[in-house]
Amino acid sequence: MKHIIFPTSFFFKYKAPNADELIQKANSYGEELINNEEFTWNNHNASDCIKLKWQDWIKLFQPTLELFSAELKVNFKFHMYDPWLNLYKRGATQEVHDHFPCDFSLIFIVNDGPGFAKFFFMDRNSISLSAKFAELLKYHNRFEPELTTGDVLIFPSNQLHGVFPHGSDEIRRTIAINFDIIL
């Protein structure tokens, strides 16, 4: 009898075709623009955030969204919400969360390096298994995709995810965006 252990994550990963342009624009935002009070959800993490305007970014992310559409083999329209720039200083983290009720989310990795915080997905159904059964199956409720500078990750917005504590003195930068599909 064959058995299948379902993966704990569902995502699409690409190298952004215009990564250098995205990185240059993301790095043009200085720390003086940090305003965590603009983010109602930002009271439980230690990262800093800068609110961005979707109008300034939609054309820049269009090549990546075209890759996504081609892989799905379907053209679709979408609503892009305002992105935000995450800045993780040493020790900064992001608790496990989702972006429900949006349809899909995107993160762009602006930079990486030794000691940089890792992004992870967490299986929201992991409580279905007892600890002993999970051990027997060699099941882990977290998955850490390998991400480097210029990578884009697109995933369903209701998928649990987070960021481990940042262990570098260099600030980790990522851009996050939520989308709704328009049918």
N, C-alpha and C. Protein backbone atom coordinates (compact mmCIF):
# COMPACT_ATOMS: atom_id res chain seq x y z
N MET A 1 0.84 -1.17 0.00
CA MET A 1 0.00 0.00 0.00
C MET A 1 0.90 1.24 0.00
N LYS A 2 0.54 2.22 -0.81
CA LYS A 2 1.30 3.45 -0.92
C LYS A 2 0.65 4.53 -0.05
N HIS A 3 1.46 5.33 0.62
CA HIS A 3 0.91 6.43 1.40
C HIS A 3 1.55 7.74 0.95
N ILE A 4 0.84 8.82 1.16
CA ILE A 4 1.32 10.15 0.77
C ILE A 4 1.21 11.05 1.99
N ILE A 5 2.30 11.72 2.28
CA ILE A 5 2.27 12.75 3.30
C ILE A 5 2.23 14.07 2.56
N PHE A 6 1.16 14.80 2.72
CA PHE A 6 0.98 16.03 1.98
C PHE A 6 2.02 17.06 2.39
N PRO A 7 2.50 17.85 1.40
CA PRO A 7 3.46 18.91 1.76
C PRO A 7 2.78 19.95 2.63
N THR A 8 3.60 20.63 3.42
CA THR A 8 3.05 21.63 4.34
C THR A 8 2.91 22.99 3.69
N SER A 9 3.26 23.09 2.42
CA SER A 9 3.18 24.40 1.79
C SER A 9 2.84 24.26 0.31
N PHE A 10 2.28 25.30 -0.22
CA PHE A 10 1.91 25.38 -1.62
C PHE A 10 2.33 26.76 -2.09
N PHE A 11 3.32 26.83 -2.97
CA PHE A 11 3.83 28.13 -3.38
C PHE A 11 4.48 28.05 -4.76
N PHE A 12 4.70 29.22 -5.33
CA PHE A 12 5.42 29.37 -6.59
C PHE A 12 6.62 30.27 -6.31
N LYS A 13 7.79 29.85 -6.78
CA LYS A 13 9.01 30.61 -6.54
C LYS A 13 9.65 30.95 -7.88
N TYR A 14 10.04 32.20 -8.03
CA TYR A 14 10.69 32.67 -9.25
C TYR A 14 11.84 33.59 -8.90
N LYS A 15 12.77 33.72 -9.83
CA LYS A 15 13.73 34.81 -9.76
C LYS A 15 13.06 35.94 -10.54
N ALA A 16 12.87 37.09 -9.92
CA ALA A 16 12.21 38.21 -10.60
C ALA A 16 12.99 38.59 -11.85
N PRO A 17 12.34 38.66 -13.01
CA PRO A 17 13.05 39.01 -14.25
C PRO A 17 13.75 40.37 -14.17
N ASN A 18 13.20 41.27 -13.39
CA ASN A 18 13.76 42.62 -13.24
C ASN A 18 14.21 42.84 -11.79
N ALA A 19 14.83 41.81 -11.22
CA ALA A 19 15.23 41.85 -9.80
C ALA A 19 16.08 43.08 -9.48
N ASP A 20 17.04 43.39 -10.33
CA ASP A 20 17.93 44.53 -10.04
C ASP A 20 17.14 45.83 -9.91
N GLU A 21 16.14 46.02 -10.76
CA GLU A 21 15.32 47.23 -10.71
C GLU A 21 14.48 47.27 -9.43
N LEU A 22 13.92 46.12 -9.04
CA LEU A 22 13.14 46.04 -7.81
C LEU A 22 14.02 46.31 -6.59
N ILE A 23 15.20 45.74 -6.57
CA ILE A 23 16.13 45.93 -5.45
C ILE A 23 16.53 47.40 -5.34
N GLN A 24 16.87 48.02 -6.46
CA GLN A 24 17.27 49.42 -6.45
C GLN A 24 16.15 50.30 -5.89
N LYS A 25 14.92 50.07 -6.33
CA LYS A 25 13.80 50.88 -5.85
C LYS A 25 13.55 50.62 -4.36
N ALA A 26 13.57 49.35 -3.94
CA ALA A 26 13.35 49.03 -2.52
C ALA A 26 14.41 49.68 -1.64
N ASN A 27 15.64 49.70 -2.11
CA ASN A 27 16.73 50.29 -1.32
C ASN A 27 16.71 51.81 -1.32
N SER A 28 15.84 52.42 -2.15
CA SER A 28 15.75 53.88 -2.17
C SER A 28 14.93 54.42 -1.00
N TYR A 29 14.25 53.52 -0.27
CA TYR A 29 13.45 53.93 0.89
C TYR A 29 14.31 53.86 2.14
N GLY A 30 14.46 55.00 2.80
CA GLY A 30 15.28 55.07 4.00
C GLY A 30 14.49 54.78 5.27
N GLU A 31 15.22 54.51 6.34
CA GLU A 31 14.61 54.19 7.62
C GLU A 31 13.77 55.33 8.19
N GLU A 32 14.01 56.54 7.73
CA GLU A 32 13.22 57.68 8.22
C GLU A 32 11.76 57.56 7.81
N LEU A 33 11.44 56.69 6.85
CA LEU A 33 10.06 56.49 6.39
C LEU A 33 9.31 55.43 7.19
N ILE A 34 9.97 54.79 8.13
CA ILE A 34 9.31 53.77 8.95
C ILE A 34 8.17 54.42 9.73
N ASN A 35 7.00 53.79 9.66
CA ASN A 35 5.85 54.26 10.44
C ASN A 35 5.00 53.04 10.78
N ASN A 36 5.38 52.35 11.83
CA ASN A 36 4.70 51.11 12.22
C ASN A 36 3.26 51.33 12.65
N GLU A 37 2.92 52.55 13.00
CA GLU A 37 1.55 52.83 13.43
C GLU A 37 0.55 52.73 12.29
N GLU A 38 1.02 52.74 11.04
CA GLU A 38 0.13 52.59 9.88
C GLU A 38 -0.36 51.16 9.70
N PHE A 39 0.22 50.23 10.46
CA PHE A 39 -0.08 48.81 10.29
C PHE A 39 -0.74 48.28 11.55
N THR A 40 -2.03 48.02 11.47
CA THR A 40 -2.78 47.56 12.64
C THR A 40 -2.30 46.19 13.12
N TRP A 41 -1.72 45.40 12.24
CA TRP A 41 -1.27 44.06 12.57
C TRP A 41 0.17 44.04 13.08
N ASN A 42 0.82 45.16 13.14
CA ASN A 42 2.25 45.20 13.44
C ASN A 42 2.58 45.32 14.92
N ASN A 43 1.65 45.03 15.82
CA ASN A 43 1.94 45.21 17.23
C ASN A 43 2.53 43.97 17.90
N HIS A 44 2.68 42.87 17.17
CA HIS A 44 3.22 41.65 17.78
C HIS A 44 4.56 41.24 17.20
N ASN A 45 5.09 42.01 16.26
CA ASN A 45 6.39 41.61 15.73
C ASN A 45 7.40 42.70 16.00
N ALA A 46 8.63 42.40 15.73
CA ALA A 46 9.69 43.35 16.03
C ALA A 46 10.29 43.93 14.76
N SER A 47 9.67 43.68 13.59
CA SER A 47 10.19 44.27 12.36
C SER A 47 9.60 45.66 12.18
N ASP A 48 10.27 46.47 11.38
CA ASP A 48 9.78 47.79 11.04
C ASP A 48 9.19 47.74 9.63
N CYS A 49 8.22 48.62 9.36
CA CYS A 49 7.53 48.59 8.07
C CYS A 49 7.42 49.98 7.47
N ILE A 50 7.48 50.02 6.15
CA ILE A 50 7.26 51.24 5.38
C ILE A 50 6.14 50.96 4.40
N LYS A 51 5.08 51.73 4.47
CA LYS A 51 3.96 51.57 3.55
C LYS A 51 4.35 52.11 2.18
N LEU A 52 4.05 51.33 1.15
CA LEU A 52 4.34 51.72 -0.23
C LEU A 52 3.02 51.92 -0.97
N LYS A 53 3.06 52.54 -2.14
CA LYS A 53 1.85 52.75 -2.94
C LYS A 53 1.85 51.77 -4.11
N TRP A 54 0.71 51.09 -4.28
CA TRP A 54 0.61 50.09 -5.35
C TRP A 54 0.90 50.70 -6.71
N GLN A 55 0.54 51.96 -6.92
CA GLN A 55 0.75 52.60 -8.21
C GLN A 55 2.23 52.68 -8.57
N ASP A 56 3.09 52.76 -7.57
CA ASP A 56 4.53 52.85 -7.80
C ASP A 56 5.18 51.49 -8.08
N TRP A 57 4.43 50.40 -7.86
CA TRP A 57 5.03 49.07 -7.92
C TRP A 57 4.38 48.13 -8.91
N ILE A 58 3.17 48.41 -9.36
CA ILE A 58 2.43 47.44 -10.17
C ILE A 58 3.17 47.09 -11.46
N LYS A 59 3.73 48.08 -12.14
CA LYS A 59 4.46 47.78 -13.39
C LYS A 59 5.75 47.02 -13.11
N LEU A 60 6.35 47.27 -11.97
CA LEU A 60 7.60 46.59 -11.62
C LEU A 60 7.36 45.10 -11.33
N PHE A 61 6.20 44.75 -10.77
CA PHE A 61 5.92 43.36 -10.49
C PHE A 61 5.19 42.65 -11.63
N GLN A 62 4.81 43.39 -12.68
CA GLN A 62 4.10 42.81 -13.81
C GLN A 62 4.86 41.64 -14.45
N PRO A 63 6.18 41.73 -14.71
CA PRO A 63 6.88 40.59 -15.32
C PRO A 63 6.79 39.31 -14.48
N THR A 64 6.85 39.43 -13.17
CA THR A 64 6.73 38.27 -12.29
C THR A 64 5.31 37.72 -12.32
N LEU A 65 4.33 38.60 -12.30
CA LEU A 65 2.93 38.15 -12.35
C LEU A 65 2.63 37.47 -13.69
N GLU A 66 3.31 37.88 -14.75
CA GLU A 66 3.15 37.21 -16.05
C GLU A 66 3.74 35.80 -16.00
N LEU A 67 4.86 35.61 -15.31
CA LEU A 67 5.41 34.26 -15.11
C LEU A 67 4.41 33.37 -14.36
N PHE A 68 3.83 33.94 -13.32
CA PHE A 68 2.83 33.23 -12.51
C PHE A 68 1.63 32.83 -13.38
N SER A 69 1.13 33.75 -14.16
CA SER A 69 -0.01 33.49 -15.05
C SER A 69 0.33 32.40 -16.07
N ALA A 70 1.53 32.47 -16.63
CA ALA A 70 1.95 31.46 -17.61
C ALA A 70 2.06 30.08 -16.98
N GLU A 71 2.58 30.01 -15.76
CA GLU A 71 2.68 28.71 -15.09
C GLU A 71 1.31 28.13 -14.79
N LEU A 72 0.36 29.00 -14.43
CA LEU A 72 -1.00 28.54 -14.17
C LEU A 72 -1.76 28.23 -15.46
N LYS A 73 -1.21 28.73 -16.59
CA LYS A 73 -1.85 28.57 -17.90
C LYS A 73 -3.23 29.22 -17.94
N VAL A 74 -3.33 30.37 -17.30
CA VAL A 74 -4.57 31.13 -17.29
C VAL A 74 -4.27 32.61 -17.10
N ASN A 75 -4.94 33.43 -17.87
CA ASN A 75 -4.85 34.87 -17.67
C ASN A 75 -5.93 35.28 -16.68
N PHE A 76 -5.60 36.14 -15.78
CA PHE A 76 -6.58 36.60 -14.82
C PHE A 76 -6.30 38.05 -14.47
N LYS A 77 -7.33 38.72 -14.02
CA LYS A 77 -7.18 40.09 -13.53
C LYS A 77 -7.07 40.04 -12.02
N PHE A 78 -6.50 41.08 -11.46
CA PHE A 78 -6.30 41.09 -10.02
C PHE A 78 -6.38 42.51 -9.50
N HIS A 79 -6.60 42.61 -8.21
CA HIS A 79 -6.51 43.87 -7.48
C HIS A 79 -5.28 43.76 -6.60
N MET A 80 -4.37 44.71 -6.75
CA MET A 80 -3.14 44.74 -5.95
C MET A 80 -3.33 45.76 -4.84
N TYR A 81 -3.16 45.33 -3.61
CA TYR A 81 -3.22 46.24 -2.46
C TYR A 81 -1.87 46.93 -2.29
N ASP A 82 -1.85 47.95 -1.45
CA ASP A 82 -0.59 48.65 -1.20
C ASP A 82 0.45 47.68 -0.62
N PRO A 83 1.62 47.61 -1.24
CA PRO A 83 2.70 46.78 -0.68
C PRO A 83 3.30 47.45 0.56
N TRP A 84 4.17 46.71 1.22
CA TRP A 84 4.93 47.30 2.32
C TRP A 84 6.32 46.70 2.33
N LEU A 85 7.25 47.50 2.81
CA LEU A 85 8.64 47.10 2.92
C LEU A 85 8.90 46.72 4.36
N ASN A 86 9.35 45.49 4.58
CA ASN A 86 9.72 45.00 5.93
C ASN A 86 11.21 45.22 6.13
N LEU A 87 11.58 45.74 7.28
CA LEU A 87 12.98 45.91 7.65
C LEU A 87 13.21 45.16 8.96
N TYR A 88 14.04 44.15 8.91
CA TYR A 88 14.33 43.32 10.08
C TYR A 88 15.73 43.64 10.59
N LYS A 89 15.78 44.24 11.78
CA LYS A 89 17.06 44.47 12.45
C LYS A 89 17.36 43.23 13.30
N ARG A 90 18.56 43.15 13.84
CA ARG A 90 18.95 42.00 14.65
C ARG A 90 17.88 41.70 15.69
N GLY A 91 17.43 40.44 15.75
CA GLY A 91 16.43 40.00 16.71
C GLY A 91 15.00 40.14 16.23
N ALA A 92 14.78 40.90 15.16
CA ALA A 92 13.42 41.10 14.66
C ALA A 92 12.86 39.79 14.10
N THR A 93 11.56 39.64 14.23
CA THR A 93 10.89 38.40 13.83
C THR A 93 9.49 38.75 13.34
N GLN A 94 8.82 37.76 12.79
CA GLN A 94 7.41 37.92 12.42
C GLN A 94 6.68 36.68 12.89
N GLU A 95 5.66 36.88 13.73
CA GLU A 95 4.92 35.74 14.27
C GLU A 95 4.17 35.02 13.16
N VAL A 96 3.74 33.81 13.43
CA VAL A 96 2.96 33.02 12.48
C VAL A 96 1.63 33.74 12.24
N HIS A 97 1.28 33.91 10.96
CA HIS A 97 0.07 34.64 10.59
C HIS A 97 -0.34 34.25 9.18
N ASP A 98 -1.48 34.74 8.76
CA ASP A 98 -1.89 34.62 7.37
C ASP A 98 -2.38 35.98 6.90
N HIS A 99 -2.76 36.07 5.64
CA HIS A 99 -3.23 37.33 5.07
C HIS A 99 -4.67 37.19 4.59
N PHE A 100 -5.44 36.31 5.22
CA PHE A 100 -6.84 36.14 4.90
C PHE A 100 -7.56 37.47 5.14
N PRO A 101 -8.46 37.93 4.31
CA PRO A 101 -9.19 37.20 3.28
C PRO A 101 -8.68 37.41 1.85
N CYS A 102 -7.46 37.89 1.66
CA CYS A 102 -6.94 38.07 0.29
C CYS A 102 -6.76 36.71 -0.38
N ASP A 103 -6.64 36.72 -1.71
CA ASP A 103 -6.52 35.47 -2.46
C ASP A 103 -5.09 34.94 -2.52
N PHE A 104 -4.13 35.82 -2.83
CA PHE A 104 -2.74 35.36 -2.82
C PHE A 104 -1.83 36.49 -2.37
N SER A 105 -0.66 36.09 -1.89
CA SER A 105 0.33 37.03 -1.39
C SER A 105 1.65 36.81 -2.11
N LEU A 106 2.47 37.83 -2.09
CA LEU A 106 3.77 37.78 -2.76
C LEU A 106 4.80 38.40 -1.82
N ILE A 107 5.95 37.78 -1.73
CA ILE A 107 7.08 38.42 -1.05
C ILE A 107 8.25 38.45 -2.02
N PHE A 108 9.00 39.52 -1.94
CA PHE A 108 10.20 39.70 -2.75
C PHE A 108 11.38 39.87 -1.81
N ILE A 109 12.43 39.11 -2.05
CA ILE A 109 13.62 39.14 -1.20
C ILE A 109 14.59 40.19 -1.75
N VAL A 110 14.74 41.28 -1.03
CA VAL A 110 15.60 42.38 -1.46
C VAL A 110 17.07 42.06 -1.22
N ASN A 111 17.36 41.38 -0.11
CA ASN A 111 18.75 41.04 0.20
C ASN A 111 18.80 39.81 1.09
N ASP A 112 19.96 39.19 1.14
CA ASP A 112 20.17 38.04 2.03
C ASP A 112 21.64 37.99 2.42
N GLY A 113 21.94 37.12 3.36
CA GLY A 113 23.32 37.00 3.80
C GLY A 113 23.42 36.11 5.02
N PRO A 114 24.63 35.92 5.53
CA PRO A 114 24.83 35.08 6.72
C PRO A 114 24.03 35.61 7.91
N GLY A 115 23.35 34.72 8.60
CA GLY A 115 22.58 35.09 9.78
C GLY A 115 21.24 35.72 9.48
N PHE A 116 20.88 35.84 8.21
CA PHE A 116 19.60 36.46 7.86
C PHE A 116 18.45 35.57 8.30
N ALA A 117 17.38 36.21 8.74
CA ALA A 117 16.18 35.50 9.18
C ALA A 117 15.60 34.68 8.03
N LYS A 118 15.11 33.49 8.37
CA LYS A 118 14.49 32.60 7.38
C LYS A 118 12.98 32.73 7.41
N PHE A 119 12.39 32.77 6.23
CA PHE A 119 10.94 32.73 6.05
C PHE A 119 10.52 31.27 6.17
N PHE A 120 9.35 31.03 6.76
CA PHE A 120 8.86 29.65 6.84
C PHE A 120 7.35 29.60 6.68
N PHE A 121 6.88 28.45 6.21
CA PHE A 121 5.46 28.13 6.18
C PHE A 121 5.17 27.17 7.32
N MET A 122 3.96 27.24 7.87
CA MET A 122 3.55 26.32 8.92
C MET A 122 2.23 25.68 8.50
N ASP A 123 2.15 24.38 8.68
CA ASP A 123 0.94 23.63 8.32
C ASP A 123 -0.14 23.88 9.37
N ARG A 124 -1.23 24.51 8.96
CA ARG A 124 -2.30 24.82 9.90
C ARG A 124 -3.06 23.58 10.33
N ASN A 125 -2.86 22.46 9.63
CA ASN A 125 -3.55 21.21 9.98
C ASN A 125 -2.68 20.27 10.81
N SER A 126 -1.54 20.74 11.25
CA SER A 126 -0.61 19.87 11.98
C SER A 126 -1.18 19.34 13.28
N ILE A 127 -2.19 20.01 13.84
CA ILE A 127 -2.77 19.54 15.09
C ILE A 127 -3.60 18.27 14.90
N SER A 128 -3.77 17.86 13.63
CA SER A 128 -4.52 16.64 13.34
C SER A 128 -3.75 15.38 13.71
N LEU A 129 -2.44 15.51 13.87
CA LEU A 129 -1.60 14.36 14.18
C LEU A 129 -1.14 14.41 15.63
N SER A 130 -1.14 13.27 16.27
CA SER A 130 -0.54 13.21 17.60
C SER A 130 0.98 13.34 17.45
N ALA A 131 1.66 13.72 18.49
CA ALA A 131 3.11 13.86 18.45
C ALA A 131 3.78 12.55 18.08
N LYS A 132 3.28 11.43 18.60
CA LYS A 132 3.88 10.12 18.31
C LYS A 132 3.65 9.72 16.86
N PHE A 133 2.44 10.00 16.34
CA PHE A 133 2.16 9.64 14.95
C PHE A 133 3.01 10.51 14.01
N ALA A 134 3.16 11.79 14.33
CA ALA A 134 3.99 12.69 13.53
C ALA A 134 5.44 12.20 13.53
N GLU A 135 5.92 11.76 14.69
CA GLU A 135 7.29 11.23 14.78
C GLU A 135 7.43 9.97 13.94
N LEU A 136 6.46 9.10 14.00
CA LEU A 136 6.46 7.86 13.22
C LEU A 136 6.53 8.17 11.71
N LEU A 137 5.80 9.18 11.28
CA LEU A 137 5.76 9.57 9.87
C LEU A 137 6.93 10.47 9.46
N LYS A 138 7.74 10.87 10.46
CA LYS A 138 8.82 11.85 10.23
C LYS A 138 8.24 13.13 9.63
N TYR A 139 7.10 13.54 10.19
CA TYR A 139 6.37 14.71 9.74
C TYR A 139 6.85 15.96 10.47
N HIS A 140 7.05 17.03 9.75
CA HIS A 140 7.40 18.32 10.33
C HIS A 140 6.34 19.33 9.93
N ASN A 141 5.93 20.18 10.85
CA ASN A 141 4.85 21.12 10.55
C ASN A 141 5.35 22.44 9.97
N ARG A 142 6.67 22.57 9.76
CA ARG A 142 7.23 23.78 9.16
C ARG A 142 8.04 23.42 7.93
N PHE A 143 8.02 24.35 6.98
CA PHE A 143 8.82 24.20 5.78
C PHE A 143 9.49 25.54 5.51
N GLU A 144 10.79 25.50 5.27
CA GLU A 144 11.57 26.71 5.01
C GLU A 144 12.08 26.69 3.57
N PRO A 145 11.42 27.42 2.67
CA PRO A 145 11.93 27.45 1.29
C PRO A 145 13.27 28.19 1.24
N GLU A 146 14.15 27.73 0.38
CA GLU A 146 15.43 28.41 0.19
C GLU A 146 15.18 29.67 -0.63
N LEU A 147 15.49 30.82 -0.06
CA LEU A 147 15.26 32.10 -0.73
C LEU A 147 16.53 32.92 -0.73
N THR A 148 16.83 33.53 -1.88
CA THR A 148 18.00 34.39 -2.00
C THR A 148 17.59 35.70 -2.65
N THR A 149 18.50 36.64 -2.65
CA THR A 149 18.25 37.96 -3.22
C THR A 149 17.64 37.84 -4.61
N GLY A 150 16.54 38.58 -4.83
CA GLY A 150 15.88 38.60 -6.13
C GLY A 150 14.77 37.58 -6.28
N ASP A 151 14.60 36.69 -5.29
CA ASP A 151 13.54 35.68 -5.37
C ASP A 151 12.18 36.28 -5.03
N VAL A 152 11.17 35.73 -5.68
CA VAL A 152 9.77 36.07 -5.41
C VAL A 152 9.07 34.79 -5.01
N LEU A 153 8.25 34.88 -3.99
CA LEU A 153 7.45 33.76 -3.53
C LEU A 153 5.98 34.19 -3.59
N ILE A 154 5.16 33.40 -4.29
CA ILE A 154 3.72 33.66 -4.38
C ILE A 154 3.01 32.48 -3.74
N PHE A 155 2.04 32.77 -2.86
CA PHE A 155 1.38 31.68 -2.13
C PHE A 155 -0.04 32.10 -1.75
N PRO A 156 -0.91 31.11 -1.48
CA PRO A 156 -2.26 31.44 -1.04
C PRO A 156 -2.21 32.25 0.26
N SER A 157 -3.01 33.30 0.33
CA SER A 157 -2.94 34.21 1.47
C SER A 157 -3.36 33.59 2.80
N ASN A 158 -4.13 32.50 2.75
CA ASN A 158 -4.55 31.88 4.00
C ASN A 158 -3.53 30.88 4.52
N GLN A 159 -2.41 30.74 3.85
CA GLN A 159 -1.36 29.83 4.29
C GLN A 159 -0.56 30.47 5.42
N LEU A 160 -0.44 29.76 6.53
CA LEU A 160 0.31 30.28 7.67
C LEU A 160 1.79 30.41 7.33
N HIS A 161 2.39 31.51 7.77
CA HIS A 161 3.81 31.74 7.52
C HIS A 161 4.36 32.70 8.57
N GLY A 162 5.67 32.79 8.63
CA GLY A 162 6.32 33.67 9.58
C GLY A 162 7.79 33.82 9.24
N VAL A 163 8.52 34.52 10.09
CA VAL A 163 9.94 34.75 9.89
C VAL A 163 10.64 34.51 11.23
N PHE A 164 11.68 33.66 11.20
CA PHE A 164 12.48 33.40 12.39
C PHE A 164 13.26 34.67 12.78
N PRO A 165 13.78 34.74 14.00
CA PRO A 165 14.54 35.93 14.42
C PRO A 165 15.76 36.20 13.53
N HIS A 166 15.95 37.46 13.23
CA HIS A 166 17.05 37.90 12.37
C HIS A 166 18.34 37.92 13.18
N GLY A 167 19.39 37.32 12.64
CA GLY A 167 20.64 37.19 13.37
C GLY A 167 21.82 37.93 12.76
N SER A 168 21.55 39.01 12.04
CA SER A 168 22.63 39.76 11.41
C SER A 168 22.50 41.24 11.78
N ASP A 169 23.62 41.95 11.74
CA ASP A 169 23.58 43.39 11.95
C ASP A 169 23.17 44.13 10.68
N GLU A 170 23.22 43.45 9.54
CA GLU A 170 22.72 44.04 8.29
C GLU A 170 21.21 43.89 8.27
N ILE A 171 20.50 44.93 7.92
CA ILE A 171 19.04 44.92 7.90
C ILE A 171 18.54 44.05 6.76
N ARG A 172 17.66 43.12 7.08
CA ARG A 172 17.01 42.27 6.08
C ARG A 172 15.82 43.04 5.53
N ARG A 173 15.70 43.10 4.20
CA ARG A 173 14.60 43.82 3.54
C ARG A 173 13.80 42.87 2.66
N THR A 174 12.49 42.95 2.80
CA THR A 174 11.58 42.22 1.93
C THR A 174 10.40 43.12 1.60
N ILE A 175 9.80 42.87 0.44
CA ILE A 175 8.56 43.55 0.08
C ILE A 175 7.46 42.51 0.13
N ALA A 176 6.32 42.88 0.70
CA ALA A 176 5.15 41.99 0.76
C ALA A 176 3.97 42.70 0.10
N ILE A 177 3.15 41.90 -0.61
CA ILE A 177 1.98 42.44 -1.31
C ILE A 177 0.86 41.42 -1.23
N ASN A 178 -0.36 41.90 -1.07
CA ASN A 178 -1.56 41.05 -1.13
C ASN A 178 -2.35 41.37 -2.40
N PHE A 179 -3.01 40.33 -2.93
CA PHE A 179 -3.79 40.46 -4.15
C PHE A 179 -5.14 39.76 -3.98
N ASP A 180 -6.13 40.27 -4.70
CA ASP A 180 -7.40 39.58 -4.89
C ASP A 180 -7.55 39.29 -6.37
N ILE A 181 -8.06 38.11 -6.68
CA ILE A 181 -8.32 37.72 -8.05
C ILE A 181 -9.68 38.27 -8.45
N ILE A 182 -9.75 38.83 -9.65
CA ILE A 182 -11.01 39.36 -10.18
C ILE A 182 -11.46 38.42 -11.29
N LEU A 183 -12.61 37.81 -11.11
CA LEU A 183 -13.13 36.87 -12.13
C LEU A 183 -14.11 37.57 -13.05
